[in-house]
Amino acid sequence: MDFGPPVDCLRTLQASKVNVIKKLNIARDITRDMGWNLLLELFLKDLVSQVTTRFPNQVVSIVLFGSATTGEWVRGKSDIDCIILIKDKKMRKQVELFLNQTLLELDSKYDLKLSDTCSTYKKTQNHALNLVLKIESFGMFGRPFYVLSEDQIDLKNAKLKDDFKTFVGTHVIASTDLFLHRIKCTGKILYGKDVTKEFPTRIPFIEKIKAPLNAIILLMISFLVMPIDSRFAMQHAVKANFWACDNVLFAMDQPLSNAKSEIKHLQDIFSHDLNESDVAHLNTSLKYKTSRKILKAKNRFVIRYAVKSTRFVLKLYSLTIQKWIATIR
């Protein structure tokens, strides 16, 4: 007896069922993401309301930037980045302390897990790793709030003064112009005046040279903490790839956006130089970056990935230098 057609029909139905389940899972994930993004929006409104009520005559502007404005924010993996401009420099510590306390309270209320993702609050059982987190926070890595006063920052010339921590973070470790460029490209005004209109339009060449340092530091931290916490090391290695993309686009006077758009932009710029392996590495890194699941990888895998990321970052910087030289000629 020939059971061919019924069997084929059954297989077709099973395949259709699998496709329906996949689509339902995708829809569920999208709905879940929309829910968390809505809670993030409510969290930010609550935060702005509380800080402006507590300091009604101090807050000039609050600007949100980074993954929370580019559609890449992931609960449990992403932090938030806000720059808060106030009037009186003497009130900085008081405002920052209030913001940090309020964030922890609201994080408990909205369950966004920001206390786990921001270096300022993150604590582990390992003293060495806690020291790394403290150093990161000092160097402005993973800090949720950058509180600056009007008399402390010259926005038009990208100059900061009278604050050692901010000076180290934006002059020694990274570029002030890159910091402001990232805010200008991805920033969203949550309160007050649009300070991004005052940001510099011309970027000094020395700032473009300094910009790559932050991705290199992330990779160094990744290798340093690998024996202690492979997951933490992996997160830093992934982040280094996209900070390098930001650095290169900044150095070439290009706008910054979300990671997916930046990958496409770099492919256009280096169409003859980035091979399939480079693009595949970036796309794989993008999956790690945007995945809701926290990757639990063995040390050997993390080492291979970090090495590959280092090679890619150095290649990208080398290609950028070659582009500069070609332009000069």
C-alpha atoms as a PDB file:
ATOM      1  CA  MET A   1       0.000   0.000   0.000  1.00  0.00           C
ATOM      2  CA  ASP A   2       1.331   3.464  -0.947  1.00  0.00           C
ATOM      3  CA  PHE A   3       1.419   5.895   2.004  1.00  0.00           C
ATOM      4  CA  GLY A   4       3.406   8.490   0.070  1.00  0.00           C
ATOM      5  CA  PRO A   5       0.900  11.385  -0.254  1.00  0.00           C
ATOM      6  CA  PRO A   6      -0.433  11.196   3.337  1.00  0.00           C
ATOM      7  CA  VAL A   7       3.123  11.028   4.689  1.00  0.00           C
ATOM      8  CA  ASP A   8       4.131  13.988   2.551  1.00  0.00           C
ATOM      9  CA  CYS A   9       1.059  15.861   3.747  1.00  0.00           C
ATOM     10  CA  LEU A  10       1.918  15.060   7.376  1.00  0.00           C
ATOM     11  CA  ARG A  11       5.476  16.326   6.881  1.00  0.00           C
ATOM     12  CA  THR A  12       4.139  19.526   5.331  1.00  0.00           C
ATOM     13  CA  LEU A  13       1.822  20.031   8.293  1.00  0.00           C
ATOM     14  CA  GLN A  14       4.673  19.415  10.736  1.00  0.00           C
ATOM     15  CA  ALA A  15       6.894  21.887   8.885  1.00  0.00           C
ATOM     16  CA  SER A  16       4.076  24.450   8.944  1.00  0.00           C
ATOM     17  CA  LYS A  17       3.614  23.852  12.671  1.00  0.00           C
ATOM     18  CA  VAL A  18       7.328  24.458  13.289  1.00  0.00           C
ATOM     19  CA  ASN A  19       7.180  27.700  11.284  1.00  0.00           C
ATOM     20  CA  VAL A  20       4.120  28.872  13.213  1.00  0.00           C
ATOM     21  CA  ILE A  21       5.862  28.130  16.531  1.00  0.00           C
ATOM     22  CA  LYS A  22       8.949  30.040  15.389  1.00  0.00           C
ATOM     23  CA  LYS A  23       6.809  33.029  14.392  1.00  0.00           C
ATOM     24  CA  LEU A  24       4.957  32.899  17.713  1.00  0.00           C
ATOM     25  CA  ASN A  25       8.284  32.833  19.579  1.00  0.00           C
ATOM     26  CA  ILE A  26       9.514  35.821  17.576  1.00  0.00           C
ATOM     27  CA  ALA A  27       6.262  37.672  18.286  1.00  0.00           C
ATOM     28  CA  ARG A  28       6.567  36.804  21.987  1.00  0.00           C
ATOM     29  CA  ASP A  29      10.134  38.116  22.083  1.00  0.00           C
ATOM     30  CA  ILE A  30       9.133  41.323  20.300  1.00  0.00           C
ATOM     31  CA  THR A  31       6.237  41.828  22.723  1.00  0.00           C
ATOM     32  CA  ARG A  32       8.547  41.200  25.668  1.00  0.00           C
ATOM     33  CA  ASP A  33      11.092  43.704  24.340  1.00  0.00           C
ATOM     34  CA  MET A  34       8.355  46.291  23.794  1.00  0.00           C
ATOM     35  CA  GLY A  35       7.229  45.732  27.377  1.00  0.00           C
ATOM     36  CA  TRP A  36      10.718  46.270  28.812  1.00  0.00           C
ATOM     37  CA  ASN A  37      11.302  49.318  26.609  1.00  0.00           C
ATOM     38  CA  LEU A  38       8.004  50.769  27.820  1.00  0.00           C
ATOM     39  CA  LEU A  39       9.093  50.188  31.426  1.00  0.00           C
ATOM     40  CA  LEU A  40      12.441  51.837  30.642  1.00  0.00           C
ATOM     41  CA  GLU A  41      10.567  54.864  29.302  1.00  0.00           C
ATOM     42  CA  LEU A  42       8.435  55.022  32.470  1.00  0.00           C
ATOM     43  CA  PHE A  43      11.574  54.620  34.586  1.00  0.00           C
ATOM     44  CA  LEU A  44      13.240  57.578  32.841  1.00  0.00           C
ATOM     45  CA  LYS A  45      10.165  59.800  33.207  1.00  0.00           C
ATOM     46  CA  ASP A  46      10.035  58.933  36.900  1.00  0.00           C
ATOM     47  CA  LEU A  47      13.761  59.634  37.287  1.00  0.00           C
ATOM     48  CA  VAL A  48      13.545  63.014  35.524  1.00  0.00           C
ATOM     49  CA  SER A  49      10.497  63.989  37.558  1.00  0.00           C
ATOM     50  CA  GLN A  50      12.197  63.178  40.853  1.00  0.00           C
ATOM     51  CA  VAL A  51      15.515  64.913  40.144  1.00  0.00           C
ATOM     52  CA  THR A  52      13.881  68.073  38.749  1.00  0.00           C
ATOM     53  CA  THR A  53      11.496  68.201  41.712  1.00  0.00           C
ATOM     54  CA  ARG A  54      14.338  67.730  44.183  1.00  0.00           C
ATOM     55  CA  PHE A  55      16.570  70.336  42.444  1.00  0.00           C
ATOM     56  CA  PRO A  56      14.078  72.671  40.708  1.00  0.00           C
ATOM     57  CA  ASN A  57      16.537  75.530  40.176  1.00  0.00           C
ATOM     58  CA  GLN A  58      19.602  73.491  39.315  1.00  0.00           C
ATOM     59  CA  VAL A  59      18.935  71.166  36.381  1.00  0.00           C
ATOM     60  CA  VAL A  60      19.583  72.807  33.009  1.00  0.00           C
ATOM     61  CA  SER A  61      19.400  69.771  30.751  1.00  0.00           C
ATOM     62  CA  ILE A  62      19.149  65.969  30.860  1.00  0.00           C
ATOM     63  CA  VAL A  63      20.187  64.040  27.759  1.00  0.00           C
ATOM     64  CA  LEU A  64      19.889  60.282  27.313  1.00  0.00           C
ATOM     65  CA  PHE A  65      22.213  58.617  24.793  1.00  0.00           C
ATOM     66  CA  GLY A  66      23.610  55.217  23.804  1.00  0.00           C
ATOM     67  CA  SER A  67      21.751  51.910  23.499  1.00  0.00           C
ATOM     68  CA  ALA A  68      18.624  53.260  25.226  1.00  0.00           C
ATOM     69  CA  THR A  69      18.042  55.636  22.274  1.00  0.00           C
ATOM     70  CA  THR A  70      19.215  53.435  19.370  1.00  0.00           C
ATOM     71  CA  GLY A  71      16.791  50.559  19.982  1.00  0.00           C
ATOM     72  CA  GLU A  72      19.513  48.213  21.257  1.00  0.00           C
ATOM     73  CA  TRP A  73      18.830  48.334  24.980  1.00  0.00           C
ATOM     74  CA  VAL A  74      18.582  44.830  26.461  1.00  0.00           C
ATOM     75  CA  ARG A  75      17.389  44.215  30.008  1.00  0.00           C
ATOM     76  CA  GLY A  76      20.057  42.564  32.142  1.00  0.00           C
ATOM     77  CA  LYS A  77      22.840  43.386  29.641  1.00  0.00           C
ATOM     78  CA  SER A  78      22.612  47.100  28.871  1.00  0.00           C
ATOM     79  CA  ASP A  79      23.218  50.065  31.131  1.00  0.00           C
ATOM     80  CA  ILE A  80      21.965  53.615  30.594  1.00  0.00           C
ATOM     81  CA  ASP A  81      23.922  56.772  29.756  1.00  0.00           C
ATOM     82  CA  CYS A  82      22.740  60.234  30.776  1.00  0.00           C
ATOM     83  CA  ILE A  83      24.487  63.571  30.847  1.00  0.00           C
ATOM     84  CA  ILE A  84      23.011  66.013  33.364  1.00  0.00           C
ATOM     85  CA  LEU A  85      23.964  69.666  33.104  1.00  0.00           C
ATOM     86  CA  ILE A  86      23.415  71.768  36.237  1.00  0.00           C
ATOM     87  CA  LYS A  87      24.047  75.406  37.156  1.00  0.00           C
ATOM     88  CA  ASP A  88      26.206  75.239  40.285  1.00  0.00           C
ATOM     89  CA  LYS A  89      29.397  73.182  40.387  1.00  0.00           C
ATOM     90  CA  LYS A  90      29.144  72.916  44.189  1.00  0.00           C
ATOM     91  CA  MET A  91      25.924  70.923  43.814  1.00  0.00           C
ATOM     92  CA  ARG A  92      27.434  68.213  41.577  1.00  0.00           C
ATOM     93  CA  LYS A  93      28.114  65.614  44.262  1.00  0.00           C
ATOM     94  CA  GLN A  94      24.747  66.152  45.876  1.00  0.00           C
ATOM     95  CA  VAL A  95      22.908  65.765  42.544  1.00  0.00           C
ATOM     96  CA  GLU A  96      24.948  62.702  41.576  1.00  0.00           C
ATOM     97  CA  LEU A  97      24.350  61.056  44.950  1.00  0.00           C
ATOM     98  CA  PHE A  98      20.608  61.676  44.646  1.00  0.00           C
ATOM     99  CA  LEU A  99      20.568  60.254  41.099  1.00  0.00           C
ATOM    100  CA  ASN A 100      22.415  57.110  42.158  1.00  0.00           C
ATOM    101  CA  GLN A 101      20.098  56.515  45.113  1.00  0.00           C
ATOM    102  CA  THR A 102      17.009  57.184  42.996  1.00  0.00           C
ATOM    103  CA  LEU A 103      18.204  54.838  40.244  1.00  0.00           C
ATOM    104  CA  LEU A 104      18.536  51.966  42.716  1.00  0.00           C
ATOM    105  CA  GLU A 105      15.070  52.647  44.131  1.00  0.00           C
ATOM    106  CA  LEU A 106      13.449  52.882  40.696  1.00  0.00           C
ATOM    107  CA  ASP A 107      15.386  49.887  39.417  1.00  0.00           C
ATOM    108  CA  SER A 108      13.820  47.858  42.217  1.00  0.00           C
ATOM    109  CA  LYS A 109      10.402  49.255  41.261  1.00  0.00           C
ATOM    110  CA  TYR A 110      10.657  48.605  37.494  1.00  0.00           C
ATOM    111  CA  ASP A 111      12.959  45.540  37.657  1.00  0.00           C
ATOM    112  CA  LEU A 112      15.241  46.671  34.810  1.00  0.00           C
ATOM    113  CA  LYS A 113      18.374  45.105  36.369  1.00  0.00           C
ATOM    114  CA  LEU A 114      20.391  48.305  35.961  1.00  0.00           C
ATOM    115  CA  SER A 115      22.077  47.652  39.289  1.00  0.00           C
ATOM    116  CA  ASP A 116      23.588  44.561  37.621  1.00  0.00           C
ATOM    117  CA  THR A 117      24.780  46.303  34.462  1.00  0.00           C
ATOM    118  CA  CYS A 118      26.127  49.689  35.606  1.00  0.00           C
ATOM    119  CA  SER A 119      29.703  49.522  36.926  1.00  0.00           C
ATOM    120  CA  THR A 120      28.850  52.070  39.629  1.00  0.00           C
ATOM    121  CA  TYR A 121      26.581  49.592  41.441  1.00  0.00           C
ATOM    122  CA  LYS A 122      27.708  46.177  40.257  1.00  0.00           C
ATOM    123  CA  LYS A 123      29.216  43.980  42.970  1.00  0.00           C
ATOM    124  CA  THR A 124      30.628  40.458  42.791  1.00  0.00           C
ATOM    125  CA  GLN A 125      32.043  37.930  45.223  1.00  0.00           C
ATOM    126  CA  ASN A 126      35.507  38.450  43.756  1.00  0.00           C
ATOM    127  CA  HIS A 127      37.565  41.317  45.237  1.00  0.00           C
ATOM    128  CA  ALA A 128      39.810  41.587  42.171  1.00  0.00           C
ATOM    129  CA  LEU A 129      36.813  41.921  39.847  1.00  0.00           C
ATOM    130  CA  ASN A 130      35.254  44.519  42.159  1.00  0.00           C
ATOM    131  CA  LEU A 131      38.478  46.517  41.879  1.00  0.00           C
ATOM    132  CA  VAL A 132      38.253  46.365  38.068  1.00  0.00           C
ATOM    133  CA  LEU A 133      34.648  47.599  38.238  1.00  0.00           C
ATOM    134  CA  LYS A 134      35.681  50.446  40.510  1.00  0.00           C
ATOM    135  CA  ILE A 135      38.455  51.471  38.117  1.00  0.00           C
ATOM    136  CA  GLU A 136      36.011  51.291  35.210  1.00  0.00           C
ATOM    137  CA  SER A 137      33.555  53.548  36.980  1.00  0.00           C
ATOM    138  CA  PHE A 138      36.351  56.016  37.774  1.00  0.00           C
ATOM    139  CA  GLY A 139      37.336  56.047  34.096  1.00  0.00           C
ATOM    140  CA  MET A 140      33.707  56.708  33.060  1.00  0.00           C
ATOM    141  CA  PHE A 141      33.091  53.175  31.756  1.00  0.00           C
ATOM    142  CA  GLY A 142      29.618  51.931  32.646  1.00  0.00           C
ATOM    143  CA  ARG A 143      28.630  55.002  34.653  1.00  0.00           C
ATOM    144  CA  PRO A 144      24.929  55.823  34.244  1.00  0.00           C
ATOM    145  CA  PHE A 145      25.220  59.548  35.038  1.00  0.00           C
ATOM    146  CA  TYR A 146      27.688  62.246  33.988  1.00  0.00           C
ATOM    147  CA  VAL A 147      26.835  65.294  36.085  1.00  0.00           C
ATOM    148  CA  LEU A 148      28.521  68.473  34.857  1.00  0.00           C
ATOM    149  CA  SER A 149      28.042  72.143  35.691  1.00  0.00           C
ATOM    150  CA  GLU A 150      27.752  74.992  33.204  1.00  0.00           C
ATOM    151  CA  ASP A 151      30.903  76.657  34.490  1.00  0.00           C
ATOM    152  CA  GLN A 152      32.814  73.388  34.289  1.00  0.00           C
ATOM    153  CA  ILE A 153      32.331  72.551  30.618  1.00  0.00           C
ATOM    154  CA  ASP A 154      32.969  74.572  27.481  1.00  0.00           C
ATOM    155  CA  LEU A 155      30.685  72.772  25.035  1.00  0.00           C
ATOM    156  CA  LYS A 156      31.727  74.686  21.916  1.00  0.00           C
ATOM    157  CA  ASN A 157      35.407  73.836  22.416  1.00  0.00           C
ATOM    158  CA  ALA A 158      34.858  70.436  24.094  1.00  0.00           C
ATOM    159  CA  LYS A 159      36.848  71.452  27.189  1.00  0.00           C
ATOM    160  CA  LEU A 160      36.315  70.227  30.747  1.00  0.00           C
ATOM    161  CA  LYS A 161      37.914  71.727  33.845  1.00  0.00           C
ATOM    162  CA  ASP A 162      38.123  71.446  37.627  1.00  0.00           C
ATOM    163  CA  ASP A 163      37.330  67.730  37.862  1.00  0.00           C
ATOM    164  CA  PHE A 164      40.116  65.144  37.927  1.00  0.00           C
ATOM    165  CA  LYS A 165      37.877  62.086  37.390  1.00  0.00           C
ATOM    166  CA  THR A 166      36.111  63.560  34.360  1.00  0.00           C
ATOM    167  CA  PHE A 167      39.427  64.866  33.003  1.00  0.00           C
ATOM    168  CA  VAL A 168      40.971  61.367  33.157  1.00  0.00           C
ATOM    169  CA  GLY A 169      37.891  59.794  31.604  1.00  0.00           C
ATOM    170  CA  THR A 170      37.584  62.198  28.686  1.00  0.00           C
ATOM    171  CA  HIS A 171      41.183  63.304  28.078  1.00  0.00           C
ATOM    172  CA  VAL A 172      43.535  60.508  29.067  1.00  0.00           C
ATOM    173  CA  ILE A 173      41.403  57.381  28.557  1.00  0.00           C
ATOM    174  CA  ALA A 174      39.208  58.665  25.747  1.00  0.00           C
ATOM    175  CA  SER A 175      38.301  61.692  23.660  1.00  0.00           C
ATOM    176  CA  THR A 176      36.016  64.475  24.860  1.00  0.00           C
ATOM    177  CA  ASP A 177      34.996  65.139  21.263  1.00  0.00           C
ATOM    178  CA  LEU A 178      34.072  61.475  20.737  1.00  0.00           C
ATOM    179  CA  PHE A 179      32.001  61.575  23.938  1.00  0.00           C
ATOM    180  CA  LEU A 180      30.133  64.666  22.707  1.00  0.00           C
ATOM    181  CA  HIS A 181      29.847  63.290  19.154  1.00  0.00           C
ATOM    182  CA  ARG A 182      28.180  60.140  20.497  1.00  0.00           C
ATOM    183  CA  ILE A 183      25.724  62.269  22.477  1.00  0.00           C
ATOM    184  CA  LYS A 184      25.030  64.512  19.478  1.00  0.00           C
ATOM    185  CA  CYS A 185      24.322  61.545  17.180  1.00  0.00           C
ATOM    186  CA  THR A 186      22.308  59.344  19.541  1.00  0.00           C
ATOM    187  CA  GLY A 187      21.120  61.794  22.209  1.00  0.00           C
ATOM    188  CA  LYS A 188      17.502  62.335  23.233  1.00  0.00           C
ATOM    189  CA  ILE A 189      16.555  65.398  25.292  1.00  0.00           C
ATOM    190  CA  LEU A 190      14.655  64.245  28.382  1.00  0.00           C
ATOM    191  CA  TYR A 191      14.505  67.658  30.048  1.00  0.00           C
ATOM    192  CA  GLY A 192      15.516  71.280  29.499  1.00  0.00           C
ATOM    193  CA  LYS A 193      17.412  72.860  26.662  1.00  0.00           C
ATOM    194  CA  ASP A 194      19.028  71.044  23.747  1.00  0.00           C
ATOM    195  CA  VAL A 195      22.710  71.397  24.657  1.00  0.00           C
ATOM    196  CA  THR A 196      23.770  69.296  21.644  1.00  0.00           C
ATOM    197  CA  LYS A 197      23.283  72.381  19.453  1.00  0.00           C
ATOM    198  CA  GLU A 198      26.302  73.900  21.213  1.00  0.00           C
ATOM    199  CA  PHE A 199      28.620  70.940  20.558  1.00  0.00           C
ATOM    200  CA  PRO A 200      31.675  71.535  18.331  1.00  0.00           C
ATOM    201  CA  THR A 201      31.253  71.026  14.594  1.00  0.00           C
ATOM    202  CA  ARG A 202      34.962  70.710  13.845  1.00  0.00           C
ATOM    203  CA  ILE A 203      36.947  67.875  15.443  1.00  0.00           C
ATOM    204  CA  PRO A 204      40.693  68.334  16.080  1.00  0.00           C
ATOM    205  CA  PHE A 205      42.918  65.669  14.532  1.00  0.00           C
ATOM    206  CA  ILE A 206      44.489  64.812  17.892  1.00  0.00           C
ATOM    207  CA  GLU A 207      41.046  63.785  19.215  1.00  0.00           C
ATOM    208  CA  LYS A 208      40.639  61.380  16.312  1.00  0.00           C
ATOM    209  CA  ILE A 209      43.973  59.785  17.206  1.00  0.00           C
ATOM    210  CA  LYS A 210      42.986  59.430  20.886  1.00  0.00           C
ATOM    211  CA  ALA A 211      39.584  57.889  20.119  1.00  0.00           C
ATOM    212  CA  PRO A 212      40.734  54.268  19.473  1.00  0.00           C
ATOM    213  CA  LEU A 213      42.163  53.947  22.970  1.00  0.00           C
ATOM    214  CA  ASN A 214      38.864  53.060  24.676  1.00  0.00           C
ATOM    215  CA  ALA A 215      38.285  49.898  22.596  1.00  0.00           C
ATOM    216  CA  ILE A 216      41.873  48.789  23.268  1.00  0.00           C
ATOM    217  CA  ILE A 217      41.306  49.292  27.006  1.00  0.00           C
ATOM    218  CA  LEU A 218      38.147  47.179  26.855  1.00  0.00           C
ATOM    219  CA  LEU A 219      40.084  44.348  25.204  1.00  0.00           C
ATOM    220  CA  MET A 220      42.850  44.627  27.800  1.00  0.00           C
ATOM    221  CA  ILE A 221      40.248  44.372  30.576  1.00  0.00           C
ATOM    222  CA  SER A 222      38.717  41.374  28.806  1.00  0.00           C
ATOM    223  CA  PHE A 223      42.021  39.466  28.833  1.00  0.00           C
ATOM    224  CA  LEU A 224      42.781  40.614  32.376  1.00  0.00           C
ATOM    225  CA  VAL A 225      39.545  39.313  33.925  1.00  0.00           C
ATOM    226  CA  MET A 226      39.251  36.170  31.781  1.00  0.00           C
ATOM    227  CA  PRO A 227      40.660  33.829  34.480  1.00  0.00           C
ATOM    228  CA  ILE A 228      38.275  35.386  37.028  1.00  0.00           C
ATOM    229  CA  ASP A 229      35.003  35.747  35.106  1.00  0.00           C
ATOM    230  CA  SER A 230      34.739  34.553  31.499  1.00  0.00           C
ATOM    231  CA  ARG A 231      31.236  36.013  31.067  1.00  0.00           C
ATOM    232  CA  PHE A 232      32.420  39.484  32.084  1.00  0.00           C
ATOM    233  CA  ALA A 233      35.412  39.094  29.742  1.00  0.00           C
ATOM    234  CA  MET A 234      33.142  38.085  26.864  1.00  0.00           C
ATOM    235  CA  GLN A 235      30.864  41.092  27.354  1.00  0.00           C
ATOM    236  CA  HIS A 236      33.836  43.460  27.190  1.00  0.00           C
ATOM    237  CA  ALA A 237      35.266  41.794  24.092  1.00  0.00           C
ATOM    238  CA  VAL A 238      31.895  42.098  22.325  1.00  0.00           C
ATOM    239  CA  LYS A 239      31.586  45.757  23.320  1.00  0.00           C
ATOM    240  CA  ALA A 240      35.121  46.505  22.081  1.00  0.00           C
ATOM    241  CA  ASN A 241      34.160  45.626  18.496  1.00  0.00           C
ATOM    242  CA  PHE A 242      31.376  48.194  18.388  1.00  0.00           C
ATOM    243  CA  TRP A 243      33.327  50.863  20.225  1.00  0.00           C
ATOM    244  CA  ALA A 244      35.977  50.393  17.543  1.00  0.00           C
ATOM    245  CA  CYS A 245      33.291  50.899  14.876  1.00  0.00           C
ATOM    246  CA  ASP A 246      32.243  54.121  16.640  1.00  0.00           C
ATOM    247  CA  ASN A 247      35.862  55.264  16.831  1.00  0.00           C
ATOM    248  CA  VAL A 248      36.495  54.723  13.127  1.00  0.00           C
ATOM    249  CA  LEU A 249      33.303  56.464  12.014  1.00  0.00           C
ATOM    250  CA  PHE A 250      34.106  59.357  14.368  1.00  0.00           C
ATOM    251  CA  ALA A 251      37.652  59.584  12.984  1.00  0.00           C
ATOM    252  CA  MET A 252      36.233  59.728   9.457  1.00  0.00           C
ATOM    253  CA  ASP A 253      33.707  62.453  10.340  1.00  0.00           C
ATOM    254  CA  GLN A 254      30.758  60.097   9.941  1.00  0.00           C
ATOM    255  CA  PRO A 255      27.592  59.992  12.085  1.00  0.00           C
ATOM    256  CA  LEU A 256      27.058  57.312  14.739  1.00  0.00           C
ATOM    257  CA  SER A 257      23.875  55.263  14.999  1.00  0.00           C
ATOM    258  CA  ASN A 258      22.945  51.722  16.014  1.00  0.00           C
ATOM    259  CA  ALA A 259      25.355  48.802  15.560  1.00  0.00           C
ATOM    260  CA  LYS A 260      23.537  47.253  12.593  1.00  0.00           C
ATOM    261  CA  SER A 261      23.609  50.513  10.615  1.00  0.00           C
ATOM    262  CA  GLU A 262      27.246  51.107  11.531  1.00  0.00           C
ATOM    263  CA  ILE A 263      28.251  47.663  10.239  1.00  0.00           C
ATOM    264  CA  LYS A 264      26.570  48.455   6.911  1.00  0.00           C
ATOM    265  CA  HIS A 265      28.258  51.877   6.842  1.00  0.00           C
ATOM    266  CA  LEU A 266      31.710  50.364   7.429  1.00  0.00           C
ATOM    267  CA  GLN A 267      31.100  47.763   4.717  1.00  0.00           C
ATOM    268  CA  ASP A 268      30.428  50.622   2.302  1.00  0.00           C
ATOM    269  CA  ILE A 269      33.546  52.555   3.371  1.00  0.00           C
ATOM    270  CA  PHE A 270      35.872  49.512   3.324  1.00  0.00           C
ATOM    271  CA  SER A 271      34.088  47.558   0.591  1.00  0.00           C
ATOM    272  CA  HIS A 272      37.365  46.180  -0.831  1.00  0.00           C
ATOM    273  CA  ASP A 273      39.162  45.686   2.468  1.00  0.00           C
ATOM    274  CA  LEU A 274      36.788  43.910   4.863  1.00  0.00           C
ATOM    275  CA  ASN A 275      36.541  40.246   3.889  1.00  0.00           C
ATOM    276  CA  GLU A 276      33.726  37.770   4.543  1.00  0.00           C
ATOM    277  CA  SER A 277      35.359  36.634   7.769  1.00  0.00           C
ATOM    278  CA  ASP A 278      35.447  40.220   9.115  1.00  0.00           C
ATOM    279  CA  VAL A 279      31.788  40.820   8.290  1.00  0.00           C
ATOM    280  CA  ALA A 280      30.810  37.433   9.736  1.00  0.00           C
ATOM    281  CA  HIS A 281      32.674  38.296  12.948  1.00  0.00           C
ATOM    282  CA  LEU A 282      30.815  41.600  13.245  1.00  0.00           C
ATOM    283  CA  ASN A 283      27.429  40.012  12.580  1.00  0.00           C
ATOM    284  CA  THR A 284      28.126  37.278  15.132  1.00  0.00           C
ATOM    285  CA  SER A 285      29.173  39.942  17.628  1.00  0.00           C
ATOM    286  CA  LEU A 286      25.926  41.797  16.902  1.00  0.00           C
ATOM    287  CA  LYS A 287      23.957  38.657  17.798  1.00  0.00           C
ATOM    288  CA  TYR A 288      25.845  38.396  21.093  1.00  0.00           C
ATOM    289  CA  LYS A 289      25.237  42.099  21.766  1.00  0.00           C
ATOM    290  CA  THR A 290      21.478  42.098  21.090  1.00  0.00           C
ATOM    291  CA  SER A 291      20.604  38.641  22.410  1.00  0.00           C
ATOM    292  CA  ARG A 292      18.400  38.591  25.496  1.00  0.00           C
ATOM    293  CA  LYS A 293      20.258  35.530  26.734  1.00  0.00           C
ATOM    294  CA  ILE A 294      23.551  35.940  28.576  1.00  0.00           C
ATOM    295  CA  LEU A 295      26.126  33.820  26.812  1.00  0.00           C
ATOM    296  CA  LYS A 296      27.717  31.197  29.051  1.00  0.00           C
ATOM    297  CA  ALA A 297      30.878  30.225  27.228  1.00  0.00           C
ATOM    298  CA  LYS A 298      33.918  28.255  28.290  1.00  0.00           C
ATOM    299  CA  ASN A 299      37.237  30.012  28.743  1.00  0.00           C
ATOM    300  CA  ARG A 300      38.709  28.499  25.587  1.00  0.00           C
ATOM    301  CA  PHE A 301      35.871  29.897  23.460  1.00  0.00           C
ATOM    302  CA  VAL A 302      36.142  33.347  25.098  1.00  0.00           C
ATOM    303  CA  ILE A 303      39.914  33.424  24.513  1.00  0.00           C
ATOM    304  CA  ARG A 304      39.448  32.603  20.812  1.00  0.00           C
ATOM    305  CA  TYR A 305      36.733  35.228  20.473  1.00  0.00           C
ATOM    306  CA  ALA A 306      38.772  37.907  22.293  1.00  0.00           C
ATOM    307  CA  VAL A 307      41.810  37.182  20.111  1.00  0.00           C
ATOM    308  CA  LYS A 308      39.666  37.381  16.970  1.00  0.00           C
ATOM    309  CA  SER A 309      38.145  40.652  18.221  1.00  0.00           C
ATOM    310  CA  THR A 310      41.611  42.085  18.855  1.00  0.00           C
ATOM    311  CA  ARG A 311      42.724  41.182  15.336  1.00  0.00           C
ATOM    312  CA  PHE A 312      39.585  42.733  13.865  1.00  0.00           C
ATOM    313  CA  VAL A 313      39.896  45.961  15.889  1.00  0.00           C
ATOM    314  CA  LEU A 314      43.563  46.394  14.945  1.00  0.00           C
ATOM    315  CA  LYS A 315      42.766  45.688  11.287  1.00  0.00           C
ATOM    316  CA  LEU A 316      39.961  48.259  11.328  1.00  0.00           C
ATOM    317  CA  TYR A 317      42.277  50.874  12.827  1.00  0.00           C
ATOM    318  CA  SER A 318      44.991  50.012  10.294  1.00  0.00           C
ATOM    319  CA  LEU A 319      42.527  50.431   7.404  1.00  0.00           C
ATOM    320  CA  THR A 320      41.470  53.805   8.799  1.00  0.00           C
ATOM    321  CA  ILE A 321      45.086  55.005   8.929  1.00  0.00           C
ATOM    322  CA  GLN A 322      45.558  53.868   5.327  1.00  0.00           C
ATOM    323  CA  LYS A 323      42.463  55.869   4.346  1.00  0.00           C
ATOM    324  CA  TRP A 324      43.900  58.935   6.089  1.00  0.00           C
ATOM    325  CA  ILE A 325      47.237  58.573   4.282  1.00  0.00           C
ATOM    326  CA  ALA A 326      45.474  58.128   0.937  1.00  0.00           C
ATOM    327  CA  THR A 327      43.455  61.314   1.596  1.00  0.00           C
ATOM    328  CA  ILE A 328      46.614  63.303   2.418  1.00  0.00           C
ATOM    329  CA  ARG A 329      48.268  62.162  -0.780  1.00  0.00           C
END
